Amino acid sequence: MLSLHTNAAALSSQNALAATQKALSTSLTRLGTGYRVNSAMDDAAGLQIATRLLAQTRGMTVAQKNTQNGISMMQTAEGAFQELTNVLLRMKDLATEAFNASSTAADRAALQAEYDALGIELNNIIRSSAFGGQRLFSDGTTTDGSGGLLSAAITFQIGASTTETMAVNTSASLTALTTALDQVAGTYTNTGVTGTELTGGTNAIIDTINNAIAAVGAIRAQLGAASNRLEHVYNNLGNMITNTTASRGRIMDVDYAQETANSTAKQLLMQAGTAALKQSSSLSQLVVALMH
């Protein structure tokens, strides 16, 4: 039907052109941003899943950092215990030499002087060892293994959820160690005294030192085991981050080959629709032709 008031062909062309323009705009946006989903309108369910995956990935990335910081902290503590071991080994050397028949009283006094100095260094290591501004084995004043970061159980956040934690408790081993160190040298708790371990004691001090060395080994073993576990946690987090990121990419990222083809098709449709709209608009002129 020819009508001046209603041009059905033009209306249809306009609707088709508007839909094509909207689709082309969406396609160009995807090509410009690199994302298939740029708003919830594009894929509401997909965006929700992708956001959840992103939250998990970011949480695991921070957890990876936590594991590395935890390993660094325990390596710092382990380094302090390594030096404790070195000091105790030297003290054992001095004790072994002091209780030999060839050692004179003057020799023992000289050996005791070094022994006392080493006892003071044991005190210093326990009180001053710190990581990131936190003292590890003491609050800086005590020598009984209290007040430090490792004086109680510590917890590492090793994942993106509340249940993903790892607890390390070396408090009992630290208390046993500081008790053993107190028995090794009087200068450990009282740096102002002169000890008598080598000048007035017996060679039983050698066994006492051995016990302290064993106590150091026990806590070092705990720290080493925890550090090894954190290494495995780090590796596993890396694997999960890789796969989770890939999953999110499959939801969010645009397929450039497919979207380029879509964009080209929509551009052609835009050109065809524009031409069709121009032609349909000229139909009204036929009414005028009929009236002549």
C-alpha atoms as a PDB file:
ATOM      1  CA  MET A   1       0.000   0.000   0.000  1.00  0.00           C
ATOM      2  CA  LEU A   2       1.267   3.444  -0.971  1.00  0.00           C
ATOM      3  CA  SER A   3       0.799   5.996   1.807  1.00  0.00           C
ATOM      4  CA  LEU A   4       2.114   9.433   2.581  1.00  0.00           C
ATOM      5  CA  HIS A   5       1.738   8.941   6.335  1.00  0.00           C
ATOM      6  CA  THR A   6       3.163   5.473   6.799  1.00  0.00           C
ATOM      7  CA  ASN A   7       6.240   4.131   4.994  1.00  0.00           C
ATOM      8  CA  ALA A   8       6.492   0.530   6.243  1.00  0.00           C
ATOM      9  CA  ALA A   9       9.625  -0.187   4.231  1.00  0.00           C
ATOM     10  CA  ALA A  10      11.406   2.827   5.684  1.00  0.00           C
ATOM     11  CA  LEU A  11      10.402   1.870   9.216  1.00  0.00           C
ATOM     12  CA  SER A  12      11.693  -1.663   8.726  1.00  0.00           C
ATOM     13  CA  SER A  13      14.951  -0.347   7.302  1.00  0.00           C
ATOM     14  CA  GLN A  14      15.344   2.046  10.232  1.00  0.00           C
ATOM     15  CA  ASN A  15      14.824  -0.740  12.779  1.00  0.00           C
ATOM     16  CA  ALA A  16      17.280  -3.015  11.016  1.00  0.00           C
ATOM     17  CA  LEU A  17      19.807  -0.196  10.718  1.00  0.00           C
ATOM     18  CA  ALA A  18      19.491   0.651  14.428  1.00  0.00           C
ATOM     19  CA  ALA A  19      20.026  -2.987  15.434  1.00  0.00           C
ATOM     20  CA  THR A  20      23.034  -3.267  13.146  1.00  0.00           C
ATOM     21  CA  GLN A  21      24.497  -0.038  14.517  1.00  0.00           C
ATOM     22  CA  LYS A  22      24.114  -1.309  18.076  1.00  0.00           C
ATOM     23  CA  ALA A  23      25.781  -4.620  17.209  1.00  0.00           C
ATOM     24  CA  LEU A  24      28.614  -2.798  15.406  1.00  0.00           C
ATOM     25  CA  SER A  25      29.142  -0.506  18.392  1.00  0.00           C
ATOM     26  CA  THR A  26      29.379  -3.547  20.696  1.00  0.00           C
ATOM     27  CA  SER A  27      31.821  -5.244  18.339  1.00  0.00           C
ATOM     28  CA  LEU A  28      34.044  -2.168  18.065  1.00  0.00           C
ATOM     29  CA  THR A  29      34.011  -1.756  21.856  1.00  0.00           C
ATOM     30  CA  ARG A  30      35.196  -5.321  22.270  1.00  0.00           C
ATOM     31  CA  LEU A  31      37.939  -4.818  19.707  1.00  0.00           C
ATOM     32  CA  GLY A  32      38.972  -1.580  21.411  1.00  0.00           C
ATOM     33  CA  THR A  33      39.071  -2.922  24.971  1.00  0.00           C
ATOM     34  CA  GLY A  34      40.158  -6.482  24.249  1.00  0.00           C
ATOM     35  CA  TYR A  35      37.350  -7.809  26.432  1.00  0.00           C
ATOM     36  CA  ARG A  36      34.325  -9.777  25.297  1.00  0.00           C
ATOM     37  CA  VAL A  37      32.464  -8.760  28.456  1.00  0.00           C
ATOM     38  CA  ASN A  38      32.597  -5.023  29.102  1.00  0.00           C
ATOM     39  CA  SER A  39      29.430  -4.754  31.190  1.00  0.00           C
ATOM     40  CA  ALA A  40      26.914  -7.035  32.817  1.00  0.00           C
ATOM     41  CA  MET A  41      24.703  -6.554  29.751  1.00  0.00           C
ATOM     42  CA  ASP A  42      27.212  -8.468  27.628  1.00  0.00           C
ATOM     43  CA  ASP A  43      27.160 -11.601  29.808  1.00  0.00           C
ATOM     44  CA  ALA A  44      25.717 -11.266  33.299  1.00  0.00           C
ATOM     45  CA  ALA A  45      26.530 -14.807  34.434  1.00  0.00           C
ATOM     46  CA  GLY A  46      29.954 -14.743  32.813  1.00  0.00           C
ATOM     47  CA  LEU A  47      30.854 -11.453  34.482  1.00  0.00           C
ATOM     48  CA  GLN A  48      29.862 -12.839  37.886  1.00  0.00           C
ATOM     49  CA  ILE A  49      32.012 -15.940  37.396  1.00  0.00           C
ATOM     50  CA  ALA A  50      34.939 -13.896  36.061  1.00  0.00           C
ATOM     51  CA  THR A  51      34.774 -11.488  39.021  1.00  0.00           C
ATOM     52  CA  ARG A  52      34.829 -14.416  41.436  1.00  0.00           C
ATOM     53  CA  LEU A  53      37.833 -15.884  39.622  1.00  0.00           C
ATOM     54  CA  LEU A  54      39.590 -12.510  39.752  1.00  0.00           C
ATOM     55  CA  ALA A  55      39.027 -12.248  43.503  1.00  0.00           C
ATOM     56  CA  GLN A  56      40.454 -15.726  43.952  1.00  0.00           C
ATOM     57  CA  THR A  57      43.450 -14.977  41.750  1.00  0.00           C
ATOM     58  CA  ARG A  58      44.295 -11.757  43.553  1.00  0.00           C
ATOM     59  CA  GLY A  59      43.954 -13.459  46.926  1.00  0.00           C
ATOM     60  CA  MET A  60      46.298 -16.244  45.844  1.00  0.00           C
ATOM     61  CA  THR A  61      48.791 -13.711  44.490  1.00  0.00           C
ATOM     62  CA  VAL A  62      48.952 -12.012  47.887  1.00  0.00           C
ATOM     63  CA  ALA A  63      49.176 -15.441  49.540  1.00  0.00           C
ATOM     64  CA  GLN A  64      52.232 -16.173  47.383  1.00  0.00           C
ATOM     65  CA  LYS A  65      53.809 -13.012  48.759  1.00  0.00           C
ATOM     66  CA  ASN A  66      52.881 -14.142  52.267  1.00  0.00           C
ATOM     67  CA  THR A  67      54.676 -17.458  51.780  1.00  0.00           C
ATOM     68  CA  GLN A  68      57.840 -15.714  50.599  1.00  0.00           C
ATOM     69  CA  ASN A  69      57.767 -13.328  53.546  1.00  0.00           C
ATOM     70  CA  GLY A  70      57.220 -16.286  55.868  1.00  0.00           C
ATOM     71  CA  ILE A  71      60.174 -18.156  54.400  1.00  0.00           C
ATOM     72  CA  SER A  72      62.349 -15.044  54.721  1.00  0.00           C
ATOM     73  CA  MET A  73      61.345 -14.646  58.358  1.00  0.00           C
ATOM     74  CA  MET A  74      62.139 -18.256  59.194  1.00  0.00           C
ATOM     75  CA  GLN A  75      65.412 -18.098  57.292  1.00  0.00           C
ATOM     76  CA  THR A  76      66.346 -15.108  59.419  1.00  0.00           C
ATOM     77  CA  ALA A  77      65.551 -17.093  62.551  1.00  0.00           C
ATOM     78  CA  GLU A  78      67.392 -20.124  61.197  1.00  0.00           C
ATOM     79  CA  GLY A  79      70.437 -17.956  60.476  1.00  0.00           C
ATOM     80  CA  ALA A  80      70.437 -16.787  64.092  1.00  0.00           C
ATOM     81  CA  PHE A  81      70.274 -20.396  65.268  1.00  0.00           C
ATOM     82  CA  GLN A  82      73.137 -21.272  62.931  1.00  0.00           C
ATOM     83  CA  GLU A  83      75.242 -18.685  64.702  1.00  0.00           C
ATOM     84  CA  LEU A  84      74.058 -20.024  68.069  1.00  0.00           C
ATOM     85  CA  THR A  85      75.321 -23.421  66.972  1.00  0.00           C
ATOM     86  CA  ASN A  86      78.689 -21.936  66.004  1.00  0.00           C
ATOM     87  CA  VAL A  87      79.001 -20.243  69.382  1.00  0.00           C
ATOM     88  CA  LEU A  88      78.080 -23.420  71.257  1.00  0.00           C
ATOM     89  CA  LEU A  89      80.568 -25.459  69.256  1.00  0.00           C
ATOM     90  CA  ARG A  90      83.296 -23.001  70.180  1.00  0.00           C
ATOM     91  CA  MET A  91      82.234 -23.175  73.837  1.00  0.00           C
ATOM     92  CA  LYS A  92      82.482 -26.945  73.657  1.00  0.00           C
ATOM     93  CA  ASP A  93      85.995 -26.615  72.243  1.00  0.00           C
ATOM     94  CA  LEU A  94      86.937 -24.392  75.175  1.00  0.00           C
ATOM     95  CA  ALA A  95      85.412 -26.779  77.722  1.00  0.00           C
ATOM     96  CA  THR A  96      87.127 -29.774  76.180  1.00  0.00           C
ATOM     97  CA  GLU A  97      90.460 -27.987  76.321  1.00  0.00           C
ATOM     98  CA  ALA A  98      89.933 -26.675  79.864  1.00  0.00           C
ATOM     99  CA  PHE A  99      89.454 -30.096  81.414  1.00  0.00           C
ATOM    100  CA  ASN A 100      92.606 -31.564  79.989  1.00  0.00           C
ATOM    101  CA  ALA A 101      95.380 -32.362  82.485  1.00  0.00           C
ATOM    102  CA  SER A 102      97.850 -30.192  80.573  1.00  0.00           C
ATOM    103  CA  SER A 103      95.777 -27.042  81.133  1.00  0.00           C
ATOM    104  CA  THR A 104      96.975 -24.891  84.013  1.00  0.00           C
ATOM    105  CA  ALA A 105      94.835 -22.669  86.238  1.00  0.00           C
ATOM    106  CA  ALA A 106      95.953 -19.675  84.190  1.00  0.00           C
ATOM    107  CA  ASP A 107      94.952 -21.466  81.028  1.00  0.00           C
ATOM    108  CA  ARG A 108      91.519 -22.211  82.429  1.00  0.00           C
ATOM    109  CA  ALA A 109      91.082 -18.580  83.491  1.00  0.00           C
ATOM    110  CA  ALA A 110      91.866 -17.432  79.963  1.00  0.00           C
ATOM    111  CA  LEU A 111      89.522 -20.025  78.509  1.00  0.00           C
ATOM    112  CA  GLN A 112      86.825 -18.963  80.989  1.00  0.00           C
ATOM    113  CA  ALA A 113      87.134 -15.339  79.870  1.00  0.00           C
ATOM    114  CA  GLU A 114      86.372 -16.302  76.287  1.00  0.00           C
ATOM    115  CA  TYR A 115      83.654 -18.668  77.466  1.00  0.00           C
ATOM    116  CA  ASP A 116      81.999 -15.813  79.392  1.00  0.00           C
ATOM    117  CA  ALA A 117      82.143 -13.558  76.329  1.00  0.00           C
ATOM    118  CA  LEU A 118      80.477 -16.246  74.246  1.00  0.00           C
ATOM    119  CA  GLY A 119      77.766 -16.595  76.884  1.00  0.00           C
ATOM    120  CA  ILE A 120      77.073 -12.875  76.525  1.00  0.00           C
ATOM    121  CA  GLU A 121      76.810 -13.331  72.750  1.00  0.00           C
ATOM    122  CA  LEU A 122      74.232 -16.083  73.258  1.00  0.00           C
ATOM    123  CA  ASN A 123      72.271 -13.523  75.243  1.00  0.00           C
ATOM    124  CA  ASN A 124      72.648 -10.952  72.465  1.00  0.00           C
ATOM    125  CA  ILE A 125      71.465 -13.322  69.725  1.00  0.00           C
ATOM    126  CA  ILE A 126      68.340 -14.311  71.633  1.00  0.00           C
ATOM    127  CA  ARG A 127      67.444 -10.738  72.576  1.00  0.00           C
ATOM    128  CA  SER A 128      68.282  -8.866  69.376  1.00  0.00           C
ATOM    129  CA  SER A 129      67.388 -11.167  66.460  1.00  0.00           C
ATOM    130  CA  ALA A 130      64.543  -9.517  64.574  1.00  0.00           C
ATOM    131  CA  PHE A 131      62.703  -9.526  61.248  1.00  0.00           C
ATOM    132  CA  GLY A 132      60.798  -6.571  59.815  1.00  0.00           C
ATOM    133  CA  GLY A 133      60.991  -4.694  63.107  1.00  0.00           C
ATOM    134  CA  GLN A 134      59.670  -7.634  65.168  1.00  0.00           C
ATOM    135  CA  ARG A 135      61.967  -9.443  67.593  1.00  0.00           C
ATOM    136  CA  LEU A 136      61.892 -13.170  67.016  1.00  0.00           C
ATOM    137  CA  PHE A 137      62.843 -14.818  70.316  1.00  0.00           C
ATOM    138  CA  SER A 138      62.437 -12.143  72.968  1.00  0.00           C
ATOM    139  CA  ASP A 139      60.913  -8.758  73.657  1.00  0.00           C
ATOM    140  CA  GLY A 140      64.444  -7.374  73.835  1.00  0.00           C
ATOM    141  CA  THR A 141      64.831  -7.672  77.595  1.00  0.00           C
ATOM    142  CA  THR A 142      64.098 -11.299  78.481  1.00  0.00           C
ATOM    143  CA  THR A 143      66.183 -14.377  77.736  1.00  0.00           C
ATOM    144  CA  ASP A 144      63.623 -17.067  78.606  1.00  0.00           C
ATOM    145  CA  GLY A 145      62.113 -17.308  75.125  1.00  0.00           C
ATOM    146  CA  SER A 146      59.103 -15.092  75.897  1.00  0.00           C
ATOM    147  CA  GLY A 147      57.854 -11.946  74.214  1.00  0.00           C
ATOM    148  CA  GLY A 148      59.113 -12.702  70.711  1.00  0.00           C
ATOM    149  CA  LEU A 149      57.283 -13.494  67.489  1.00  0.00           C
ATOM    150  CA  LEU A 150      58.205 -17.184  67.737  1.00  0.00           C
ATOM    151  CA  SER A 151      57.388 -17.324  71.439  1.00  0.00           C
ATOM    152  CA  ALA A 152      53.841 -18.347  70.521  1.00  0.00           C
ATOM    153  CA  ALA A 153      52.136 -20.065  67.615  1.00  0.00           C
ATOM    154  CA  ILE A 154      52.130 -18.024  64.411  1.00  0.00           C
ATOM    155  CA  THR A 155      49.714 -18.347  61.494  1.00  0.00           C
ATOM    156  CA  PHE A 156      50.379 -17.735  57.811  1.00  0.00           C
ATOM    157  CA  GLN A 157      47.566 -16.862  55.383  1.00  0.00           C
ATOM    158  CA  ILE A 158      48.409 -19.169  52.476  1.00  0.00           C
ATOM    159  CA  GLY A 159      45.260 -18.852  50.361  1.00  0.00           C
ATOM    160  CA  ALA A 160      42.328 -16.686  49.328  1.00  0.00           C
ATOM    161  CA  SER A 161      39.838 -18.065  51.880  1.00  0.00           C
ATOM    162  CA  THR A 162      39.612 -18.075  55.664  1.00  0.00           C
ATOM    163  CA  THR A 163      40.317 -21.797  55.896  1.00  0.00           C
ATOM    164  CA  GLU A 164      43.597 -21.617  53.983  1.00  0.00           C
ATOM    165  CA  THR A 165      46.051 -21.012  56.803  1.00  0.00           C
ATOM    166  CA  MET A 166      49.199 -22.643  58.093  1.00  0.00           C
ATOM    167  CA  ALA A 167      50.176 -22.654  61.773  1.00  0.00           C
ATOM    168  CA  VAL A 168      53.740 -22.994  63.048  1.00  0.00           C
ATOM    169  CA  ASN A 169      54.369 -23.409  66.760  1.00  0.00           C
ATOM    170  CA  THR A 170      57.975 -23.405  67.968  1.00  0.00           C
ATOM    171  CA  SER A 171      57.237 -21.967  71.421  1.00  0.00           C
ATOM    172  CA  ALA A 172      57.971 -25.207  73.312  1.00  0.00           C
ATOM    173  CA  SER A 173      61.224 -25.762  71.444  1.00  0.00           C
ATOM    174  CA  LEU A 174      62.263 -22.135  72.025  1.00  0.00           C
ATOM    175  CA  THR A 175      61.605 -22.417  75.763  1.00  0.00           C
ATOM    176  CA  ALA A 176      63.600 -25.647  75.920  1.00  0.00           C
ATOM    177  CA  LEU A 177      66.447 -23.970  74.060  1.00  0.00           C
ATOM    178  CA  THR A 178      66.642 -20.916  76.296  1.00  0.00           C
ATOM    179  CA  THR A 179      66.531 -23.168  79.367  1.00  0.00           C
ATOM    180  CA  ALA A 180      69.450 -25.146  77.969  1.00  0.00           C
ATOM    181  CA  LEU A 181      71.400 -21.961  77.191  1.00  0.00           C
ATOM    182  CA  ASP A 182      70.899 -20.776  80.768  1.00  0.00           C
ATOM    183  CA  GLN A 183      72.551 -23.979  81.984  1.00  0.00           C
ATOM    184  CA  VAL A 184      75.469 -23.560  79.586  1.00  0.00           C
ATOM    185  CA  ALA A 185      76.744 -20.191  80.822  1.00  0.00           C
ATOM    186  CA  GLY A 186      76.034 -17.941  83.789  1.00  0.00           C
ATOM    187  CA  THR A 187      76.693 -14.892  81.597  1.00  0.00           C
ATOM    188  CA  TYR A 188      73.730 -15.833  79.400  1.00  0.00           C
ATOM    189  CA  THR A 189      71.247 -14.353  81.874  1.00  0.00           C
ATOM    190  CA  ASN A 190      73.638 -12.140  83.853  1.00  0.00           C
ATOM    191  CA  THR A 191      76.186 -10.518  81.580  1.00  0.00           C
ATOM    192  CA  GLY A 192      77.950  -8.806  84.475  1.00  0.00           C
ATOM    193  CA  VAL A 193      79.173 -11.914  86.289  1.00  0.00           C
ATOM    194  CA  THR A 194      82.311 -13.999  85.855  1.00  0.00           C
ATOM    195  CA  GLY A 195      81.486 -17.610  85.227  1.00  0.00           C
ATOM    196  CA  THR A 196      83.041 -20.666  86.861  1.00  0.00           C
ATOM    197  CA  GLU A 197      82.024 -23.323  84.320  1.00  0.00           C
ATOM    198  CA  LEU A 198      85.642 -23.993  83.314  1.00  0.00           C
ATOM    199  CA  THR A 199      87.507 -22.867  86.419  1.00  0.00           C
ATOM    200  CA  GLY A 200      85.423 -24.381  89.188  1.00  0.00           C
ATOM    201  CA  GLY A 201      83.161 -26.916  87.541  1.00  0.00           C
ATOM    202  CA  THR A 202      83.507 -30.367  86.081  1.00  0.00           C
ATOM    203  CA  ASN A 203      83.651 -31.681  82.564  1.00  0.00           C
ATOM    204  CA  ALA A 204      79.897 -32.378  82.825  1.00  0.00           C
ATOM    205  CA  ILE A 205      79.523 -28.973  81.202  1.00  0.00           C
ATOM    206  CA  ILE A 206      80.458 -30.680  77.920  1.00  0.00           C
ATOM    207  CA  ASP A 207      77.258 -32.731  78.070  1.00  0.00           C
ATOM    208  CA  THR A 208      75.330 -29.595  78.984  1.00  0.00           C
ATOM    209  CA  ILE A 209      76.634 -27.884  75.860  1.00  0.00           C
ATOM    210  CA  ASN A 210      75.749 -30.954  73.798  1.00  0.00           C
ATOM    211  CA  ASN A 211      72.197 -30.741  75.125  1.00  0.00           C
ATOM    212  CA  ALA A 212      72.011 -27.083  74.085  1.00  0.00           C
ATOM    213  CA  ILE A 213      73.317 -27.937  70.609  1.00  0.00           C
ATOM    214  CA  ALA A 214      70.617 -30.609  70.323  1.00  0.00           C
ATOM    215  CA  ALA A 215      67.978 -28.082  71.429  1.00  0.00           C
ATOM    216  CA  VAL A 216      69.116 -25.685  68.699  1.00  0.00           C
ATOM    217  CA  GLY A 217      68.915 -28.521  66.177  1.00  0.00           C
ATOM    218  CA  ALA A 218      65.365 -29.353  67.212  1.00  0.00           C
ATOM    219  CA  ILE A 219      64.013 -25.860  66.619  1.00  0.00           C
ATOM    220  CA  ARG A 220      66.015 -25.493  63.398  1.00  0.00           C
ATOM    221  CA  ALA A 221      64.436 -28.696  62.139  1.00  0.00           C
ATOM    222  CA  GLN A 222      60.964 -27.290  62.830  1.00  0.00           C
ATOM    223  CA  LEU A 223      61.735 -24.079  60.988  1.00  0.00           C
ATOM    224  CA  GLY A 224      63.273 -25.955  58.079  1.00  0.00           C
ATOM    225  CA  ALA A 225      60.237 -28.209  57.741  1.00  0.00           C
ATOM    226  CA  ALA A 226      57.888 -25.218  57.809  1.00  0.00           C
ATOM    227  CA  SER A 227      59.980 -23.381  55.215  1.00  0.00           C
ATOM    228  CA  ASN A 228      59.945 -26.399  52.920  1.00  0.00           C
ATOM    229  CA  ARG A 229      56.181 -26.636  53.224  1.00  0.00           C
ATOM    230  CA  LEU A 230      55.819 -22.950  52.365  1.00  0.00           C
ATOM    231  CA  GLU A 231      57.914 -23.532  49.244  1.00  0.00           C
ATOM    232  CA  HIS A 232      55.450 -26.201  48.129  1.00  0.00           C
ATOM    233  CA  VAL A 233      52.554 -23.890  48.990  1.00  0.00           C
ATOM    234  CA  TYR A 234      54.133 -21.195  46.801  1.00  0.00           C
ATOM    235  CA  ASN A 235      54.521 -23.580  43.861  1.00  0.00           C
ATOM    236  CA  ASN A 236      50.950 -24.837  44.176  1.00  0.00           C
ATOM    237  CA  LEU A 237      49.597 -21.288  44.362  1.00  0.00           C
ATOM    238  CA  GLY A 238      51.485 -20.455  41.185  1.00  0.00           C
ATOM    239  CA  ASN A 239      49.868 -23.393  39.423  1.00  0.00           C
ATOM    240  CA  MET A 240      46.388 -22.396  40.604  1.00  0.00           C
ATOM    241  CA  ILE A 241      46.927 -18.756  39.628  1.00  0.00           C
ATOM    242  CA  THR A 242      47.943 -19.787  36.114  1.00  0.00           C
ATOM    243  CA  ASN A 243      44.908 -21.991  35.570  1.00  0.00           C
ATOM    244  CA  THR A 244      42.443 -19.607  37.220  1.00  0.00           C
ATOM    245  CA  THR A 245      43.726 -16.690  35.156  1.00  0.00           C
ATOM    246  CA  ALA A 246      43.376 -18.765  31.998  1.00  0.00           C
ATOM    247  CA  SER A 247      39.793 -19.646  32.956  1.00  0.00           C
ATOM    248  CA  ARG A 248      38.916 -16.002  33.487  1.00  0.00           C
ATOM    249  CA  GLY A 249      40.533 -15.108  30.182  1.00  0.00           C
ATOM    250  CA  ARG A 250      38.339 -17.583  28.339  1.00  0.00           C
ATOM    251  CA  ILE A 251      35.295 -15.779  29.747  1.00  0.00           C
ATOM    252  CA  MET A 252      36.403 -12.166  29.514  1.00  0.00           C
ATOM    253  CA  ASP A 253      38.848 -11.911  26.608  1.00  0.00           C
ATOM    254  CA  VAL A 254      37.655 -11.251  23.085  1.00  0.00           C
ATOM    255  CA  ASP A 255      38.462 -13.605  20.203  1.00  0.00           C
ATOM    256  CA  TYR A 256      39.952 -11.082  17.784  1.00  0.00           C
ATOM    257  CA  ALA A 257      39.591 -13.316  14.734  1.00  0.00           C
ATOM    258  CA  GLN A 258      35.909 -13.898  15.389  1.00  0.00           C
ATOM    259  CA  GLU A 259      35.137 -10.347  16.461  1.00  0.00           C
ATOM    260  CA  THR A 260      36.952  -8.822  13.478  1.00  0.00           C
ATOM    261  CA  ALA A 261      34.815 -10.949  11.183  1.00  0.00           C
ATOM    262  CA  ASN A 262      31.689  -9.833  13.076  1.00  0.00           C
ATOM    263  CA  SER A 263      32.729  -6.195  12.827  1.00  0.00           C
ATOM    264  CA  THR A 264      33.301  -6.436   9.073  1.00  0.00           C
ATOM    265  CA  ALA A 265      29.897  -8.096   8.572  1.00  0.00           C
ATOM    266  CA  LYS A 266      28.151  -5.416  10.633  1.00  0.00           C
ATOM    267  CA  GLN A 267      29.862  -2.641   8.679  1.00  0.00           C
ATOM    268  CA  LEU A 268      28.638  -4.170   5.418  1.00  0.00           C
ATOM    269  CA  LEU A 269      25.145  -4.447   6.862  1.00  0.00           C
ATOM    270  CA  MET A 270      25.304  -0.799   7.908  1.00  0.00           C
ATOM    271  CA  GLN A 271      26.170   0.226   4.374  1.00  0.00           C
ATOM    272  CA  ALA A 272      23.420  -1.968   2.917  1.00  0.00           C
ATOM    273  CA  GLY A 273      20.874  -0.740   5.447  1.00  0.00           C
ATOM    274  CA  THR A 274      21.719   2.879   4.758  1.00  0.00           C
ATOM    275  CA  ALA A 275      21.261   2.322   1.041  1.00  0.00           C
ATOM    276  CA  ALA A 276      17.969   0.490   1.612  1.00  0.00           C
ATOM    277  CA  LEU A 277      16.691   3.297   3.852  1.00  0.00           C
ATOM    278  CA  LYS A 278      17.504   5.831   1.159  1.00  0.00           C
ATOM    279  CA  GLN A 279      15.602   3.816  -1.421  1.00  0.00           C
ATOM    280  CA  SER A 280      12.607   3.189   0.826  1.00  0.00           C
ATOM    281  CA  SER A 281      12.337   6.903   1.614  1.00  0.00           C
ATOM    282  CA  SER A 282      11.791   7.614  -2.076  1.00  0.00           C
ATOM    283  CA  LEU A 283       8.619   5.476  -2.177  1.00  0.00           C
ATOM    284  CA  SER A 284       6.499   8.433  -1.009  1.00  0.00           C
ATOM    285  CA  GLN A 285       7.343  10.226  -4.230  1.00  0.00           C
ATOM    286  CA  LEU A 286       5.349   7.567  -6.138  1.00  0.00           C
ATOM    287  CA  VAL A 287       2.171   8.914  -4.535  1.00  0.00           C
ATOM    288  CA  VAL A 288       2.870  12.327  -6.032  1.00  0.00           C
ATOM    289  CA  ALA A 289       3.487  10.700  -9.415  1.00  0.00           C
ATOM    290  CA  LEU A 290       0.058   9.059  -9.308  1.00  0.00           C
ATOM    291  CA  MET A 291      -1.628  12.416  -8.769  1.00  0.00           C
ATOM    292  CA  HIS A 292      -0.316  13.946 -12.006  1.00  0.00           C
END
